[in-house]
Structure formats: C-alpha cells, structure tokens
Amino acid sequence: MAKKNTDKIVFDHIKVLDAGAKGVSVAKAPDGKVIFISNVVPGDVVDVQTFKKRKAYYEGKAVKFHEYSEHRIEPVCEHFGVCGGCKWQNMNYNQQLFYKQNEVLNHLQRIGKIELPEFEPILGSEKQFFYRNKMEFSFSNSRWLTEKEIELEDRDAINRLSAGNRNALGFHIPKMWDKILDINNCHLQEDPSNAIRNEVRAFANENNLTFFNPRNHEGLLRTLMMRTASTGEIMVLIQFFENDKASRELILDHIYEKFPHITSLQYVVNNKANDTLYDQNIKLYKGRDYILEEMEGLKFSINAKSFYQTNSGQAYELYKITRDFAGLTGNEIVYDLYTGTGTIAQFVSKKAKKVIGVESVPEAIIDAKANAVRNNITNCEFYVGDMKVVFNESFIAQHGKPDVIITDPPRDGMHAAVIEQIMKIAPSKIVYVSCNSATQARDLALLDYNYKVTRVRPVDMFPQTHHVENVVLLELR
C-alpha cells in the first residue's frame, strides 16, 4: 500500500531484493517500478519514502525497518551513512563478494552477450579495513552538520559551533561539491593517517590558519593527500590556495617535527578553480619526492602524481592472476597497454622475452623507465602517446608482433580504434584487466568475432564498496 506524504510517496513493508549499482539496493514498488534505496541491504523489510520519481523507477530512503536482513551487520565507522564512502559496511563481507561477482556476471552476459566459461571464484581481500594506500581529504571553513547536531543532541558540537568554529578536514558529502564532513577516525588507511590528519586540523585551528571556502575561493588550506607503502614509507602533500610563505612553513615544519618518520613532505600552491594536481608544480619540502613500494623484490617509486593500485596487497594478487592468465613461457613478446608506471609490465617481464609498455601520461613513462633501471630489468621498453595513435602498424613493425597483449584501460574502457588494431594484429592471447566490468563487457563484445573468453576472475580491490576489478583471458579462435 502507498500513502501520500506531502509531495512524496511512502511505500509500506517493501522487501529489499538485490544490491544494485553504486552501492544502493533494489526493491520493487507495488506498481511494478524499481525502487533504488540507499540505506538498506538485501533481505531488509522496510517502509520507503521516495525523494525522486522517474518514468521507470523511484529513488528513496528507508524510514522504518520491520525486519532486518540476516546479512546485515553493525558498521564499525562512526561516519557511516553520512560521508558516502564504504556504503556496504552494513553488509557481511561474504555477501559483498557474492554481489560483486554477480555484477560482473550480469554485465558480461547482459552487455557483452558472449559465451562465458564458468567463473573462477572472486578473490576477496585479506584486509577488509585499512587497505588503502592513498587518501585525499579536503579543508572547509563551513563544515557539514549532521542530523544529530542539527537536532541539538550533541551539546559539545553545538558549543563549538556557537564559538564560531565550522572548520572541517574530511570528505565531500555525496553530490555536494562544496560540503565537507569533518572526519575523526577513518577505517580506510592505516595509521599514522588518522593521527596526521587530526594533528593537521588541530594545529591549524590553534594557530588560526584559514580553511578553504570553495564558493568564495579564499582560505589558506585546500587539500591534504597521504600515500603509504607496504615498505612503511609515507608521503604527505598539502595543497594551499593562498601563497602565504610564513603560514605554509609554520604548518609544514610542525608536521615534520611531529612525524619525523615521514619519507616525503611536499606542497603545492594552487589558486585555480579546481584542486587537481596533475597540472601543478609540486614542491618538495622535506625528504625525497617519492616513496617506494615493493612487490616480489621489485621496487616501484611512487610520486605525488603516480597512478598505483590503491590496495597494495590486492594489487599483488591481481598481478599474479594477470601473469597466470598470460601463461608466459619466456619466449613471448608482450604488449602492456595503458601501462601506467609499468608495474604489470615489470612484474611479468621475467617470464617474457620482451615487454613493450605504452601509456599516454609522460610522467608515468618517466617513472616506468626509472623503475626498470632500479630493478635491473633490461627486457622492458616504455613509450608515451595516445593509445589509438601510437598503437599502429609502424609501431608493430618496429617492436615486433605481440604474442600476448595485456590491457588495463581506465574506466571508460578501450577506444574502438585500439580494439580494431588489436583485431588486425591478432595476438594469440589478450589479458583484459578492468575496473569497470560494464565497459569491459562492451569491449569483449567487439572482440568476440575473433576471440573466445576462456577464463574470468573478479578481484575485490575495495572492500565495503560496490567496486570490483575483473580479469578476463581471451584466446584467438
């Protein structure tokens, strides 16, 4: 039964049926339309209040729980449900893996419409918390107020607000570019991540350093980025909006004094409209301008702009699966497309005759070449350029026809011209690593005329979220 509630609809006793995209769950309304619900898990029975109505679906929020799912667990994070991250923290981990594997299967079947082998079981992450090696936090002088604070239940918080301190250092509220939730304790990155962030905020408040206002474009402190490595090395980078040398050095000196084991302390002054770092001149303040990650004895330098898999432990497992799928014997020429800093290329190189890595970001190729020298690898070559331009007949003629192509494209998948070129080259095997199984399925459908999918294995890189990585082996028909 549905009841009108002003301009919204409340559906009573709705059974949540499935987990959907972007961390929401799925139910059916009495009129047959789908309801996407943000704060439930499959198996819950709830009353849902809608806040958006479209031709084919509603979006809503559970306002009353009649039955709790057997898969529901208590979230460990105090910020769960507000910051927008870790949306599956209220679902047990085995069930998370079940829905991730199902998502990959559904995408490959529904979008790809290709013949599939039996899936190998999804590889879960040994760490379900504190697994990220990179975190970015934003400063704001107008922090987001929680419902608890608004209802005047948290007297300490209200007293702080009345004193005029609305500063925050934390995460963006979902779909609100200018709203920042102040984060006390995050369960995504190992310490000293929490200790550094909380110390930076406390010191800035004590010394009246201004926090950024994204609407007015003013304030000293803009963002804080931290990178950690399995080797124990730490990078801290503060992005300043205003070029105030005295204030900048005050806080950077304090950070290094408080945390002398920081490997790399850097900063950037960025007064443009957005806070992306990739077009900025990053300055080294203390230590060296990179940290080292290690994998099977190989060392990889990671600088502030480097792309590196965010879950170091699972990256190792992902690369082992990729190498296993490639089935190298030592005689193959391997092309590693979208090679980034060359981690996969170097990881498989000891079992290949030669590896050619191609990437569009010049800084990444510089890192890849430096890493190869550091690791005494002589059978890897790296080239920079747009994949659909560089990856052509003359390039193939110069470097040799690949026996195996490994491709790990961005979320948008491969350009149609790249797929067409792969079809012309016709390597015996393609290992396709993807962080977006929907675009991967689209690309597999284009490759299906010449290639048969023979192995599939999803890998969970991001526990407590809906995101999933997937590795597919294609063999020439």
Protein backbone atom coordinates (compact mmCIF):
# COMPACT_ATOMS: atom_id res chain seq x y z
CA MET A 1 0.00 0.00 0.00
CA ALA A 2 1.24 3.51 -0.77
CA LYS A 3 0.49 6.65 1.26
CA LYS A 4 0.92 10.25 0.15
CA ASN A 5 3.26 12.30 2.33
CA THR A 6 3.08 15.89 1.01
CA ASP A 7 4.67 15.60 -2.44
CA LYS A 8 6.44 12.31 -1.65
CA ILE A 9 5.33 8.69 -1.53
CA VAL A 10 5.78 6.20 1.30
CA PHE A 11 5.67 2.50 0.39
CA ASP A 12 4.95 0.14 3.30
CA HIS A 13 6.58 -3.24 4.01
CA ILE A 14 8.89 -3.38 0.99
CA LYS A 15 11.24 -6.37 0.76
CA VAL A 16 14.73 -5.40 -0.45
CA LEU A 17 15.62 -7.86 -3.21
CA ASP A 18 19.09 -7.19 -4.55
CA ALA A 19 22.19 -5.00 -4.46
CA GLY A 20 22.38 -2.54 -7.33
CA ALA A 21 24.91 -0.19 -8.88
CA LYS A 22 26.77 2.50 -6.93
CA GLY A 23 26.15 0.87 -3.56
CA VAL A 24 22.36 1.19 -3.49
CA SER A 25 19.93 -1.70 -3.08
CA VAL A 26 16.97 -2.64 -5.23
CA ALA A 27 13.30 -3.36 -4.45
CA LYS A 28 10.00 -3.40 -6.34
CA ALA A 29 7.16 -0.92 -5.73
CA PRO A 30 3.55 -2.12 -5.79
CA ASP A 31 3.13 -0.50 -9.22
CA GLY A 32 5.98 -2.66 -10.57
CA LYS A 33 8.59 0.08 -10.80
CA VAL A 34 12.07 -0.42 -9.38
CA ILE A 35 12.99 1.41 -6.17
CA PHE A 36 16.63 2.27 -5.52
CA ILE A 37 17.17 2.53 -1.75
CA SER A 38 20.34 3.94 -0.23
CA ASN A 39 20.41 2.78 3.40
CA VAL A 40 19.39 -0.90 3.31
CA VAL A 41 20.79 -4.33 2.48
CA PRO A 42 19.09 -7.17 0.59
CA GLY A 43 16.70 -9.03 2.88
CA ASP A 44 15.55 -5.99 4.87
CA VAL A 45 11.79 -5.30 5.03
CA VAL A 46 11.20 -1.56 5.26
CA ASP A 47 8.93 1.40 4.72
CA VAL A 48 10.43 3.54 1.97
CA GLN A 49 9.97 7.27 1.50
CA THR A 50 10.76 8.32 -2.06
CA PHE A 51 12.55 11.54 -2.89
CA LYS A 52 12.77 11.13 -6.66
CA LYS A 53 10.30 9.71 -9.19
CA ARG A 54 11.14 8.83 -12.77
CA LYS A 55 9.28 7.02 -15.55
CA ALA A 56 10.81 3.62 -14.74
CA TYR A 57 11.99 3.92 -11.15
CA TYR A 58 11.92 5.66 -7.79
CA GLU A 59 14.77 6.67 -5.50
CA GLY A 60 14.11 6.54 -1.78
CA LYS A 61 15.26 6.01 1.77
CA ALA A 62 14.11 3.53 4.39
CA VAL A 63 12.28 5.37 7.17
CA LYS A 64 11.19 2.31 9.18
CA PHE A 65 12.57 -1.23 9.49
CA HIS A 66 10.15 -4.10 10.03
CA GLU A 67 12.65 -6.95 9.55
CA TYR A 68 16.43 -6.92 9.40
CA SER A 69 18.31 -8.98 6.83
CA GLU A 70 20.36 -11.94 8.03
CA HIS A 71 23.24 -10.40 6.05
CA ARG A 72 23.14 -7.08 7.94
CA ILE A 73 25.97 -6.27 10.36
CA GLU A 74 26.79 -3.27 12.54
CA PRO A 75 29.03 -0.73 10.75
CA VAL A 76 32.30 -0.06 12.56
CA CYS A 77 32.72 3.55 11.38
CA GLU A 78 31.14 6.45 13.26
CA HIS A 79 30.74 8.32 9.95
CA PHE A 80 28.90 5.50 8.12
CA GLY A 81 25.91 6.68 6.13
CA VAL A 82 26.97 10.33 6.09
CA CYS A 83 30.36 10.57 4.35
CA GLY A 84 29.23 8.48 1.38
CA GLY A 85 32.15 6.05 1.41
CA CYS A 86 32.08 2.38 2.46
CA LYS A 87 28.39 2.06 1.56
CA TRP A 88 28.39 -1.71 2.13
CA GLN A 89 29.85 -1.59 5.63
CA ASN A 90 26.47 -2.75 6.96
CA MET A 91 26.63 -5.99 4.90
CA ASN A 92 28.74 -9.01 5.84
CA TYR A 93 31.82 -9.47 3.68
CA ASN A 94 30.92 -12.82 2.10
CA GLN A 95 27.68 -11.28 0.86
CA GLN A 96 29.57 -8.31 -0.54
CA LEU A 97 31.69 -10.73 -2.58
CA PHE A 98 28.57 -12.55 -3.78
CA TYR A 99 27.03 -9.35 -5.17
CA LYS A 100 30.29 -8.20 -6.74
CA GLN A 101 30.71 -11.48 -8.62
CA ASN A 102 27.06 -11.28 -9.69
CA GLU A 103 27.57 -7.76 -11.04
CA VAL A 104 30.47 -8.90 -13.22
CA LEU A 105 28.48 -11.90 -14.48
CA ASN A 106 25.42 -9.76 -15.25
CA HIS A 107 27.45 -7.17 -17.14
CA LEU A 108 29.27 -9.75 -19.24
CA GLN A 109 26.06 -11.60 -20.03
CA ARG A 110 23.69 -8.65 -20.49
CA ILE A 111 26.01 -6.14 -22.20
CA GLY A 112 28.58 -8.45 -23.77
CA LYS A 113 26.14 -11.19 -24.76
CA ILE A 114 29.05 -13.55 -25.22
CA GLU A 115 29.68 -17.18 -24.42
CA LEU A 116 31.33 -17.38 -21.00
CA PRO A 117 33.27 -20.11 -19.22
CA GLU A 118 32.48 -20.96 -15.62
CA PHE A 119 33.70 -18.10 -13.45
CA GLU A 120 36.59 -18.66 -11.13
CA PRO A 121 35.61 -17.56 -7.60
CA ILE A 122 36.07 -13.90 -6.78
CA LEU A 123 39.27 -13.24 -4.84
CA GLY A 124 38.45 -11.49 -1.57
CA SER A 125 40.80 -9.06 0.15
CA GLU A 126 42.73 -10.27 3.19
CA LYS A 127 42.24 -6.80 4.66
CA GLN A 128 38.66 -5.53 4.78
CA PHE A 129 39.67 -2.29 6.52
CA PHE A 130 42.77 -0.08 6.48
CA TYR A 131 43.68 -1.31 2.99
CA ARG A 132 44.02 1.93 1.01
CA ASN A 133 47.48 3.34 0.30
CA LYS A 134 46.21 6.73 -0.85
CA MET A 135 43.69 9.11 0.73
CA GLU A 136 42.72 12.67 -0.11
CA PHE A 137 40.94 14.99 2.33
CA SER A 138 39.51 18.47 1.79
CA PHE A 139 39.56 21.50 4.07
CA SER A 140 36.46 23.67 4.53
CA ASN A 141 35.51 26.59 6.74
CA SER A 142 31.83 25.61 6.59
CA ARG A 143 31.59 22.00 7.60
CA TRP A 144 28.58 19.76 7.09
CA LEU A 145 26.29 19.48 10.13
CA THR A 146 24.97 16.02 10.91
CA GLU A 147 21.33 15.39 11.77
CA LYS A 148 22.41 14.74 15.35
CA GLU A 149 23.98 18.17 15.62
CA ILE A 150 21.04 19.87 13.94
CA GLU A 151 18.66 18.25 16.43
CA LEU A 152 20.80 19.77 19.23
CA GLU A 153 21.57 16.36 20.70
CA ASP A 154 25.34 16.81 20.64
CA ARG A 155 25.87 19.65 23.09
CA ASP A 156 29.66 19.73 22.66
CA ALA A 157 29.30 20.14 18.91
CA ILE A 158 26.74 22.92 19.32
CA ASN A 159 29.03 24.72 21.78
CA ARG A 160 31.85 24.53 19.23
CA LEU A 161 29.60 25.94 16.54
CA SER A 162 28.46 28.79 18.76
CA ALA A 163 32.12 29.65 19.30
CA GLY A 164 32.34 30.20 15.56
CA ASN A 165 34.49 27.20 14.51
CA ARG A 166 32.98 25.50 11.50
CA ASN A 167 36.30 24.20 10.13
CA ALA A 168 36.45 20.70 8.70
CA LEU A 169 39.04 18.34 7.25
CA GLY A 170 37.42 15.33 5.66
CA PHE A 171 35.31 14.05 2.76
CA HIS A 172 32.84 15.61 0.37
CA ILE A 173 29.19 14.82 1.07
CA PRO A 174 27.92 12.80 -1.94
CA LYS A 175 26.69 15.00 -4.81
CA MET A 176 27.61 18.19 -2.89
CA TRP A 177 30.87 19.63 -4.19
CA ASP A 178 31.11 22.34 -1.53
CA LYS A 179 30.03 20.37 1.58
CA ILE A 180 32.73 18.67 3.69
CA LEU A 181 32.11 16.23 6.54
CA ASP A 182 34.70 16.52 9.30
CA ILE A 183 36.34 13.10 9.75
CA ASN A 184 37.60 11.98 13.14
CA ASN A 185 38.54 8.35 12.54
CA CYS A 186 38.60 6.74 9.09
CA HIS A 187 38.92 2.97 8.66
CA LEU A 188 40.40 3.04 5.15
CA GLN A 189 44.09 3.91 5.59
CA GLU A 190 46.44 2.60 8.26
CA ASP A 191 47.93 4.90 10.85
CA PRO A 192 49.55 7.32 11.04
CA SER A 193 46.92 8.53 8.55
CA ASN A 194 44.32 9.40 11.21
CA ALA A 195 46.96 10.82 13.55
CA ILE A 196 48.43 13.09 10.86
CA ARG A 197 45.06 14.36 9.64
CA ASN A 198 43.80 15.11 13.16
CA GLU A 199 47.07 16.81 14.11
CA VAL A 200 46.99 18.99 10.98
CA ARG A 201 43.43 20.12 11.75
CA ALA A 202 44.16 20.77 15.43
CA PHE A 203 47.33 22.75 14.72
CA ALA A 204 45.64 24.81 12.01
CA ASN A 205 42.77 25.67 14.36
CA GLU A 206 45.10 26.56 17.23
CA ASN A 207 47.12 28.89 15.01
CA ASN A 208 44.13 30.43 13.21
CA LEU A 209 45.17 29.21 9.78
CA THR A 210 42.26 29.68 7.40
CA PHE A 211 40.42 26.73 5.84
CA PHE A 212 39.32 26.90 2.20
CA ASN A 213 35.93 28.23 1.15
CA PRO A 214 35.09 26.65 -2.24
CA ARG A 215 32.29 29.11 -3.01
CA ASN A 216 34.22 32.30 -2.31
CA HIS A 217 37.61 30.85 -3.34
CA GLU A 218 39.50 32.03 -0.30
CA GLY A 219 41.47 30.49 2.55
CA LEU A 220 44.95 29.04 3.02
CA LEU A 221 44.47 25.27 3.40
CA ARG A 222 42.85 23.42 0.49
CA THR A 223 43.55 19.65 0.49
CA LEU A 224 45.63 17.03 2.29
CA MET A 225 46.88 13.91 0.49
CA MET A 226 48.61 10.96 2.15
CA ARG A 227 50.22 7.97 0.46
CA THR A 228 51.61 4.96 2.30
CA ALA A 229 53.54 1.91 1.11
CA SER A 230 53.92 -1.66 2.32
CA THR A 231 57.56 -0.75 2.96
CA GLY A 232 56.41 1.64 5.72
CA GLU A 233 57.23 4.80 3.76
CA ILE A 234 54.85 7.77 3.97
CA MET A 235 54.12 10.75 1.71
CA VAL A 236 52.22 13.83 2.87
CA LEU A 237 51.22 16.62 0.49
CA ILE A 238 49.33 19.77 1.47
CA GLN A 239 47.67 21.87 -1.20
CA PHE A 240 47.50 25.57 -0.34
CA PHE A 241 45.20 28.04 -2.06
CA GLU A 242 46.97 31.19 -0.89
CA ASN A 243 50.70 31.78 -1.29
CA ASP A 244 51.45 32.66 2.36
CA LYS A 245 55.06 31.54 2.91
CA ALA A 246 55.14 32.13 6.69
CA SER A 247 51.91 30.21 7.38
CA ARG A 248 52.86 27.48 4.94
CA GLU A 249 56.22 26.86 6.59
CA LEU A 250 54.65 27.05 10.05
CA ILE A 251 52.38 24.07 9.43
CA LEU A 252 54.85 22.07 7.30
CA ASP A 253 57.56 22.42 9.95
CA HIS A 254 55.11 21.30 12.63
CA ILE A 255 54.08 18.22 10.65
CA TYR A 256 57.69 17.14 10.11
CA GLU A 257 58.59 17.79 13.76
CA LYS A 258 55.58 15.81 14.98
CA PHE A 259 56.03 12.95 12.45
CA PRO A 260 59.77 12.80 11.63
CA HIS A 261 59.39 9.36 10.04
CA ILE A 262 57.56 10.92 7.05
CA THR A 263 59.54 9.96 3.94
CA SER A 264 58.25 12.69 1.65
CA LEU A 265 56.71 16.03 2.69
CA GLN A 266 55.53 18.11 -0.27
CA TYR A 267 53.26 21.03 -1.05
CA VAL A 268 51.66 22.87 -3.93
CA VAL A 269 50.18 26.36 -4.20
CA ASN A 270 47.07 26.04 -6.36
CA ASN A 271 44.78 29.03 -6.85
CA LYS A 272 42.91 27.75 -9.89
CA ALA A 273 39.24 26.76 -9.86
CA ASN A 274 39.73 23.01 -9.33
CA ASP A 275 42.07 21.15 -7.00
CA THR A 276 43.50 18.55 -9.39
CA LEU A 277 47.27 18.16 -9.01
CA TYR A 278 48.18 16.88 -12.46
CA ASP A 279 48.85 20.29 -13.99
CA GLN A 280 50.54 21.69 -10.88
CA ASN A 281 54.19 22.26 -9.96
CA ILE A 282 54.66 20.22 -6.78
CA LYS A 283 57.39 21.37 -4.39
CA LEU A 284 59.46 19.10 -2.15
CA TYR A 285 59.78 20.43 1.42
CA LYS A 286 61.43 17.55 3.31
CA GLY A 287 62.80 14.13 2.40
CA ARG A 288 62.57 12.84 -1.18
CA ASP A 289 59.85 13.36 -3.75
CA TYR A 290 58.72 9.73 -3.92
CA ILE A 291 58.07 6.68 -1.76
CA LEU A 292 58.96 3.08 -2.61
CA GLU A 293 56.55 0.18 -2.96
CA GLU A 294 57.88 -3.38 -3.17
CA MET A 295 56.47 -6.50 -4.81
CA GLU A 296 58.34 -9.80 -5.28
CA GLY A 297 61.62 -7.96 -4.81
CA LEU A 298 60.74 -5.33 -7.40
CA LYS A 299 60.72 -1.73 -6.19
CA PHE A 300 58.46 0.92 -7.65
CA SER A 301 58.81 4.65 -6.98
CA ILE A 302 55.52 6.43 -6.41
CA ASN A 303 55.40 10.21 -6.65
CA ALA A 304 52.53 12.56 -5.90
CA LYS A 305 51.04 12.20 -9.40
CA SER A 306 51.66 8.47 -9.91
CA PHE A 307 48.88 6.02 -10.59
CA TYR A 308 49.30 2.92 -8.45
CA GLN A 309 46.65 0.39 -7.45
CA THR A 310 45.10 1.74 -4.24
CA ASN A 311 45.10 -1.59 -2.41
CA SER A 312 48.75 -2.72 -2.36
CA GLY A 313 48.05 -6.22 -1.03
CA GLN A 314 45.35 -6.94 -3.59
CA ALA A 315 47.41 -5.36 -6.37
CA TYR A 316 49.94 -8.14 -5.85
CA GLU A 317 47.17 -10.76 -6.11
CA LEU A 318 45.72 -9.06 -9.19
CA TYR A 319 49.09 -9.05 -10.94
CA LYS A 320 49.67 -12.71 -10.10
CA ILE A 321 46.31 -13.59 -11.70
CA THR A 322 47.22 -11.48 -14.75
CA ARG A 323 50.56 -13.27 -15.10
CA ASP A 324 48.90 -16.65 -14.64
CA PHE A 325 46.27 -15.90 -17.31
CA ALA A 326 49.02 -14.81 -19.74
CA GLY A 327 50.67 -18.23 -19.39
CA LEU A 328 54.10 -16.95 -20.40
CA THR A 329 56.94 -19.36 -21.19
CA GLY A 330 59.81 -16.90 -21.66
CA ASN A 331 59.60 -16.69 -25.45
CA GLU A 332 56.75 -14.23 -25.89
CA ILE A 333 56.66 -10.58 -26.94
CA VAL A 334 54.15 -8.91 -24.62
CA TYR A 335 52.48 -5.53 -25.10
CA ASP A 336 51.24 -3.86 -21.92
CA LEU A 337 48.71 -1.23 -22.97
CA TYR A 338 47.84 1.61 -20.56
CA THR A 339 50.96 0.56 -18.65
CA GLY A 340 50.92 3.47 -16.16
CA THR A 341 54.21 3.37 -14.23
CA GLY A 342 54.98 -0.04 -15.72
CA THR A 343 54.15 -2.19 -12.71
CA ILE A 344 52.40 -5.01 -14.59
CA ALA A 345 54.97 -4.89 -17.40
CA GLN A 346 57.87 -5.32 -15.00
CA PHE A 347 56.01 -7.87 -12.90
CA VAL A 348 55.58 -10.22 -15.89
CA SER A 349 58.91 -9.40 -17.56
CA LYS A 350 60.93 -12.22 -16.02
CA LYS A 351 58.66 -14.72 -17.81
CA ALA A 352 58.65 -12.91 -21.17
CA LYS A 353 61.15 -12.39 -23.99
CA LYS A 354 60.31 -8.67 -24.25
CA VAL A 355 57.64 -6.34 -22.85
CA ILE A 356 56.54 -3.12 -24.54
CA GLY A 357 54.61 -0.70 -22.32
CA VAL A 358 52.52 2.16 -23.75
CA GLU A 359 50.95 4.99 -21.74
CA SER A 360 49.59 8.48 -22.53
CA VAL A 361 50.91 10.23 -19.40
CA PRO A 362 54.56 11.35 -19.90
CA GLU A 363 55.32 11.47 -16.16
CA ALA A 364 54.18 7.86 -15.79
CA ILE A 365 56.56 6.70 -18.52
CA ILE A 366 59.43 8.58 -16.87
CA ASP A 367 58.63 6.67 -13.66
CA ALA A 368 58.33 3.38 -15.55
CA LYS A 369 61.79 3.78 -17.11
CA ALA A 370 63.32 4.77 -13.76
CA ASN A 371 61.71 1.76 -12.06
CA ALA A 372 63.09 -0.58 -14.75
CA VAL A 373 66.60 0.78 -14.14
CA ARG A 374 66.13 0.46 -10.37
CA ASN A 375 65.05 -3.17 -10.80
CA ASN A 376 67.80 -4.06 -13.31
CA ILE A 377 65.19 -5.02 -15.91
CA THR A 378 66.54 -4.86 -19.44
CA ASN A 379 63.75 -6.50 -21.46
CA CYS A 380 61.11 -3.76 -20.88
CA GLU A 381 60.69 -0.73 -23.13
CA PHE A 382 58.25 2.11 -22.45
CA TYR A 383 56.69 4.60 -24.84
CA VAL A 384 54.41 7.58 -24.36
CA GLY A 385 51.47 8.55 -26.54
CA ASP A 386 47.76 8.34 -27.16
CA MET A 387 46.99 4.62 -27.48
CA LYS A 388 44.82 4.94 -30.59
CA VAL A 389 47.59 6.93 -32.33
CA VAL A 390 50.80 5.24 -31.16
CA PHE A 391 49.49 1.69 -31.35
CA ASN A 392 49.68 1.41 -35.16
CA GLU A 393 51.26 -0.66 -37.94
CA SER A 394 54.60 1.14 -37.93
CA PHE A 395 54.87 0.74 -34.16
CA ILE A 396 54.19 -3.00 -34.53
CA ALA A 397 56.74 -3.29 -37.31
CA GLN A 398 59.37 -1.58 -35.17
CA HIS A 399 58.81 -3.54 -31.96
CA GLY A 400 57.51 -6.89 -33.18
CA LYS A 401 54.12 -8.53 -33.33
CA PRO A 402 52.91 -9.30 -29.80
CA ASP A 403 52.11 -12.87 -28.81
CA VAL A 404 50.21 -11.60 -25.76
CA ILE A 405 48.54 -8.25 -25.12
CA ILE A 406 47.80 -7.16 -21.55
CA THR A 407 45.44 -4.22 -21.35
CA ASP A 408 44.36 -2.33 -18.22
CA PRO A 409 42.45 0.70 -19.52
CA PRO A 410 40.72 3.43 -17.49
CA ARG A 411 37.04 3.15 -16.52
CA ASP A 412 35.89 4.21 -20.00
CA GLY A 413 37.47 1.10 -21.49
CA MET A 414 39.39 0.88 -24.77
CA HIS A 415 38.88 3.19 -27.73
CA ALA A 416 37.25 1.48 -30.73
CA ALA A 417 40.37 2.22 -32.82
CA VAL A 418 42.54 0.36 -30.31
CA ILE A 419 40.21 -2.65 -30.42
CA GLU A 420 40.27 -2.58 -34.21
CA GLN A 421 44.07 -2.56 -34.21
CA ILE A 422 44.21 -5.47 -31.75
CA MET A 423 41.93 -7.44 -34.09
CA LYS A 424 44.29 -6.74 -37.01
CA ILE A 425 47.38 -7.80 -35.05
CA ALA A 426 45.62 -10.93 -33.77
CA PRO A 427 47.82 -11.88 -30.79
CA SER A 428 47.19 -15.41 -29.56
CA LYS A 429 46.10 -14.14 -26.13
CA ILE A 430 44.65 -10.98 -24.59
CA VAL A 431 44.51 -10.48 -20.84
CA TYR A 432 41.99 -7.72 -20.12
CA VAL A 433 42.12 -6.18 -16.63
CA SER A 434 39.26 -3.82 -15.86
CA CYS A 435 37.93 -1.66 -13.04
CA ASN A 436 34.59 -1.34 -14.87
CA SER A 437 33.03 -4.61 -15.99
CA ALA A 438 30.31 -2.74 -17.95
CA THR A 439 32.77 -1.12 -20.38
CA GLN A 440 34.82 -4.30 -20.33
CA ALA A 441 31.74 -6.24 -21.47
CA ARG A 442 31.17 -3.74 -24.30
CA ASP A 443 34.78 -4.24 -25.48
CA LEU A 444 34.57 -8.03 -25.18
CA ALA A 445 31.53 -7.98 -27.46
CA LEU A 446 33.60 -6.19 -30.12
CA LEU A 447 36.43 -8.69 -29.74
CA ASP A 448 34.08 -11.69 -29.76
CA TYR A 449 34.27 -12.25 -33.52
CA ASN A 450 37.96 -13.21 -33.30
CA TYR A 451 38.36 -14.17 -29.64
CA LYS A 452 36.83 -16.58 -27.19
CA VAL A 453 36.69 -15.79 -23.47
CA THR A 454 38.31 -18.75 -21.71
CA ARG A 455 38.88 -17.52 -18.14
CA VAL A 456 37.23 -14.92 -15.90
CA ARG A 457 38.15 -14.00 -12.33
CA PRO A 458 36.87 -10.97 -10.39
CA VAL A 459 39.12 -9.45 -7.70
CA ASP A 460 37.88 -7.37 -4.79
CA MET A 461 40.16 -4.35 -4.52
CA PHE A 462 37.77 -2.21 -2.46
CA PRO A 463 36.02 -3.97 0.45
CA GLN A 464 32.96 -2.20 1.93
CA THR A 465 32.19 -0.69 -1.50
CA HIS A 466 30.43 -1.93 -4.64
CA HIS A 467 33.56 -1.54 -6.80
CA VAL A 468 35.15 -4.66 -8.27
CA GLU A 469 38.08 -5.41 -10.58
CA ASN A 470 37.85 -8.16 -13.20
CA VAL A 471 40.43 -10.14 -15.20
CA VAL A 472 39.48 -11.89 -18.45
CA LEU A 473 41.57 -14.14 -20.71
CA LEU A 474 40.70 -14.12 -24.41
CA GLU A 475 42.20 -16.64 -26.81
CA LEU A 476 42.27 -16.43 -30.59
CA ARG A 477 39.59 -18.55 -32.17
